[in-house]
Amino acid sequence: MKELVEVIAKQLVDHPEEIVVTEKETAKGLIIQLNVAQSDMGKVIGKQGRIANAIRSVVKAAASKEDKKVIVDIM
């Protein structure tokens, strides 16, 4: 899942070298934190959060194949 989020985010931003993706396993499920440059934050979130919601939907669909619960946090 971490690689999927990283690939999607790198296609959206101007500074792909500043992307940091981390995974944490918790009782709620897998939490993926996406950190991008401040100037790229709007590109990852999108108008009214549409791109962020699309990223979460794609990751959720990929996780459902493995019967996992995944939460994507954009920092």
N, C-alpha and C. Protein backbone atom coordinates (compact mmCIF):
# COMPACT_ATOMS: atom_id res chain seq x y z
N MET A 1 0.81 -1.19 0.00
CA MET A 1 0.00 0.00 0.00
C MET A 1 0.86 1.27 0.00
N LYS A 2 1.95 1.21 0.73
CA LYS A 2 2.85 2.37 0.82
C LYS A 2 3.35 2.77 -0.57
N GLU A 3 3.73 1.78 -1.37
CA GLU A 3 4.24 2.05 -2.71
C GLU A 3 3.16 2.66 -3.61
N LEU A 4 1.94 2.20 -3.46
CA LEU A 4 0.83 2.72 -4.25
C LEU A 4 0.61 4.21 -3.98
N VAL A 5 0.59 4.59 -2.72
CA VAL A 5 0.41 5.99 -2.34
C VAL A 5 1.57 6.83 -2.87
N GLU A 6 2.78 6.29 -2.77
CA GLU A 6 3.96 7.02 -3.23
C GLU A 6 3.93 7.25 -4.74
N VAL A 7 3.54 6.25 -5.50
CA VAL A 7 3.48 6.38 -6.96
C VAL A 7 2.43 7.41 -7.37
N ILE A 8 1.27 7.36 -6.74
CA ILE A 8 0.21 8.32 -7.07
C ILE A 8 0.65 9.73 -6.74
N ALA A 9 1.21 9.93 -5.56
CA ALA A 9 1.60 11.27 -5.12
C ALA A 9 2.71 11.84 -5.99
N LYS A 10 3.66 11.03 -6.41
CA LYS A 10 4.77 11.53 -7.23
C LYS A 10 4.28 12.06 -8.57
N GLN A 11 3.18 11.53 -9.07
CA GLN A 11 2.64 12.00 -10.34
C GLN A 11 1.92 13.34 -10.21
N LEU A 12 1.55 13.71 -9.01
CA LEU A 12 0.76 14.92 -8.79
C LEU A 12 1.58 16.16 -8.45
N VAL A 13 2.75 15.99 -7.87
CA VAL A 13 3.48 17.12 -7.28
C VAL A 13 4.61 17.64 -8.18
N ASP A 14 5.10 18.84 -7.85
CA ASP A 14 6.23 19.43 -8.55
C ASP A 14 7.57 19.00 -7.96
N HIS A 15 7.56 18.60 -6.68
CA HIS A 15 8.79 18.21 -5.98
C HIS A 15 8.66 16.76 -5.47
N PRO A 16 8.75 15.77 -6.38
CA PRO A 16 8.57 14.37 -5.95
C PRO A 16 9.66 13.87 -5.01
N GLU A 17 10.82 14.53 -5.00
CA GLU A 17 11.90 14.09 -4.11
C GLU A 17 11.61 14.39 -2.65
N GLU A 18 10.64 15.26 -2.38
CA GLU A 18 10.30 15.62 -0.99
C GLU A 18 9.15 14.79 -0.42
N ILE A 19 8.69 13.80 -1.15
CA ILE A 19 7.59 12.95 -0.67
C ILE A 19 8.14 11.92 0.31
N VAL A 20 7.48 11.81 1.45
CA VAL A 20 7.82 10.80 2.45
C VAL A 20 6.54 10.06 2.82
N VAL A 21 6.56 8.74 2.67
CA VAL A 21 5.39 7.92 3.00
C VAL A 21 5.80 6.95 4.10
N THR A 22 5.03 6.94 5.19
CA THR A 22 5.32 6.03 6.29
C THR A 22 4.09 5.19 6.60
N GLU A 23 4.33 3.99 7.10
CA GLU A 23 3.25 3.07 7.48
C GLU A 23 3.34 2.77 8.97
N LYS A 24 2.17 2.70 9.60
CA LYS A 24 2.10 2.29 11.01
C LYS A 24 0.95 1.30 11.16
N GLU A 25 1.22 0.22 11.82
CA GLU A 25 0.19 -0.78 12.09
C GLU A 25 -0.42 -0.48 13.46
N THR A 26 -1.74 -0.31 13.52
CA THR A 26 -2.43 -0.04 14.77
C THR A 26 -3.59 -1.01 14.93
N ALA A 27 -4.29 -0.88 16.04
CA ALA A 27 -5.45 -1.73 16.28
C ALA A 27 -6.57 -1.43 15.28
N LYS A 28 -6.64 -0.18 14.82
CA LYS A 28 -7.67 0.21 13.84
C LYS A 28 -7.35 -0.29 12.44
N GLY A 29 -6.11 -0.56 12.17
CA GLY A 29 -5.68 -0.99 10.85
C GLY A 29 -4.36 -0.37 10.49
N LEU A 30 -4.09 -0.29 9.22
CA LEU A 30 -2.84 0.26 8.72
C LEU A 30 -3.03 1.75 8.45
N ILE A 31 -2.16 2.57 9.01
CA ILE A 31 -2.22 4.02 8.79
C ILE A 31 -1.04 4.40 7.90
N ILE A 32 -1.35 5.02 6.78
CA ILE A 32 -0.33 5.49 5.85
C ILE A 32 -0.30 7.01 5.92
N GLN A 33 0.86 7.56 6.26
CA GLN A 33 1.02 9.01 6.35
C GLN A 33 1.79 9.50 5.14
N LEU A 34 1.23 10.47 4.44
CA LEU A 34 1.84 11.05 3.26
C LEU A 34 2.28 12.46 3.58
N ASN A 35 3.58 12.72 3.50
CA ASN A 35 4.13 14.05 3.73
C ASN A 35 4.65 14.59 2.40
N VAL A 36 4.21 15.79 2.04
CA VAL A 36 4.66 16.44 0.81
C VAL A 36 5.15 17.85 1.13
N ALA A 37 5.81 18.47 0.18
CA ALA A 37 6.28 19.84 0.36
C ALA A 37 5.07 20.76 0.53
N GLN A 38 5.26 21.83 1.29
CA GLN A 38 4.16 22.76 1.56
C GLN A 38 3.58 23.33 0.27
N SER A 39 4.43 23.59 -0.71
CA SER A 39 3.95 24.16 -1.97
C SER A 39 3.13 23.17 -2.79
N ASP A 40 3.27 21.87 -2.51
CA ASP A 40 2.53 20.83 -3.24
C ASP A 40 1.28 20.37 -2.52
N MET A 41 1.02 20.91 -1.34
CA MET A 41 -0.11 20.44 -0.53
C MET A 41 -1.44 20.60 -1.28
N GLY A 42 -1.64 21.72 -1.94
CA GLY A 42 -2.89 21.95 -2.65
C GLY A 42 -3.10 20.99 -3.81
N LYS A 43 -2.02 20.58 -4.43
CA LYS A 43 -2.12 19.65 -5.56
C LYS A 43 -2.52 18.25 -5.10
N VAL A 44 -2.09 17.89 -3.91
CA VAL A 44 -2.42 16.56 -3.39
C VAL A 44 -3.83 16.54 -2.80
N ILE A 45 -4.25 17.65 -2.23
CA ILE A 45 -5.59 17.70 -1.64
C ILE A 45 -6.65 17.98 -2.70
N GLY A 46 -6.40 18.93 -3.58
CA GLY A 46 -7.34 19.25 -4.64
C GLY A 46 -8.47 20.14 -4.14
N LYS A 47 -9.27 20.62 -5.09
CA LYS A 47 -10.41 21.46 -4.73
C LYS A 47 -11.42 20.64 -3.95
N GLN A 48 -11.79 21.17 -2.81
CA GLN A 48 -12.75 20.54 -1.90
C GLN A 48 -12.35 19.11 -1.52
N GLY A 49 -11.03 18.82 -1.57
CA GLY A 49 -10.53 17.52 -1.15
C GLY A 49 -10.79 16.38 -2.11
N ARG A 50 -11.10 16.70 -3.36
CA ARG A 50 -11.45 15.65 -4.32
C ARG A 50 -10.31 14.71 -4.63
N ILE A 51 -9.11 15.25 -4.80
CA ILE A 51 -7.97 14.39 -5.13
C ILE A 51 -7.59 13.54 -3.92
N ALA A 52 -7.63 14.13 -2.74
CA ALA A 52 -7.33 13.37 -1.51
C ALA A 52 -8.34 12.22 -1.35
N ASN A 53 -9.60 12.50 -1.60
CA ASN A 53 -10.62 11.45 -1.49
C ASN A 53 -10.42 10.38 -2.55
N ALA A 54 -9.99 10.77 -3.75
CA ALA A 54 -9.72 9.79 -4.80
C ALA A 54 -8.55 8.88 -4.42
N ILE A 55 -7.50 9.47 -3.84
CA ILE A 55 -6.36 8.66 -3.39
C ILE A 55 -6.83 7.67 -2.33
N ARG A 56 -7.61 8.14 -1.39
CA ARG A 56 -8.12 7.25 -0.33
C ARG A 56 -8.99 6.14 -0.91
N SER A 57 -9.80 6.45 -1.91
CA SER A 57 -10.67 5.44 -2.53
C SER A 57 -9.86 4.37 -3.24
N VAL A 58 -8.83 4.78 -3.97
CA VAL A 58 -7.99 3.80 -4.68
C VAL A 58 -7.27 2.90 -3.69
N VAL A 59 -6.72 3.47 -2.64
CA VAL A 59 -6.01 2.67 -1.64
C VAL A 59 -6.98 1.74 -0.90
N LYS A 60 -8.16 2.24 -0.60
CA LYS A 60 -9.17 1.41 0.07
C LYS A 60 -9.58 0.23 -0.80
N ALA A 61 -9.72 0.47 -2.10
CA ALA A 61 -10.07 -0.62 -3.02
C ALA A 61 -8.96 -1.65 -3.10
N ALA A 62 -7.70 -1.20 -3.14
CA ALA A 62 -6.58 -2.13 -3.18
C ALA A 62 -6.47 -2.91 -1.87
N ALA A 63 -6.78 -2.25 -0.76
CA ALA A 63 -6.69 -2.92 0.54
C ALA A 63 -7.81 -3.93 0.73
N SER A 64 -8.95 -3.70 0.11
CA SER A 64 -10.07 -4.63 0.27
C SER A 64 -9.76 -6.00 -0.33
N LYS A 65 -8.88 -6.04 -1.32
CA LYS A 65 -8.47 -7.33 -1.89
C LYS A 65 -7.72 -8.16 -0.86
N GLU A 66 -7.03 -7.49 0.05
CA GLU A 66 -6.23 -8.17 1.07
C GLU A 66 -6.96 -8.21 2.41
N ASP A 67 -8.22 -7.80 2.43
CA ASP A 67 -9.03 -7.75 3.65
C ASP A 67 -8.35 -6.96 4.76
N LYS A 68 -7.85 -5.78 4.41
CA LYS A 68 -7.21 -4.89 5.37
C LYS A 68 -7.97 -3.58 5.42
N LYS A 69 -7.87 -2.90 6.54
CA LYS A 69 -8.42 -1.56 6.67
C LYS A 69 -7.24 -0.59 6.63
N VAL A 70 -7.31 0.39 5.72
CA VAL A 70 -6.21 1.33 5.53
C VAL A 70 -6.75 2.75 5.67
N ILE A 71 -6.01 3.57 6.41
CA ILE A 71 -6.33 4.99 6.59
C ILE A 71 -5.18 5.78 5.99
N VAL A 72 -5.50 6.73 5.11
CA VAL A 72 -4.47 7.59 4.50
C VAL A 72 -4.58 8.97 5.10
N ASP A 73 -3.50 9.41 5.76
CA ASP A 73 -3.41 10.76 6.33
C ASP A 73 -2.44 11.57 5.49
N ILE A 74 -2.87 12.76 5.10
CA ILE A 74 -2.01 13.67 4.35
C ILE A 74 -1.52 14.74 5.30
N MET A 75 -0.20 14.81 5.48
CA MET A 75 0.40 15.73 6.44
C MET A 75 0.95 16.93 5.70
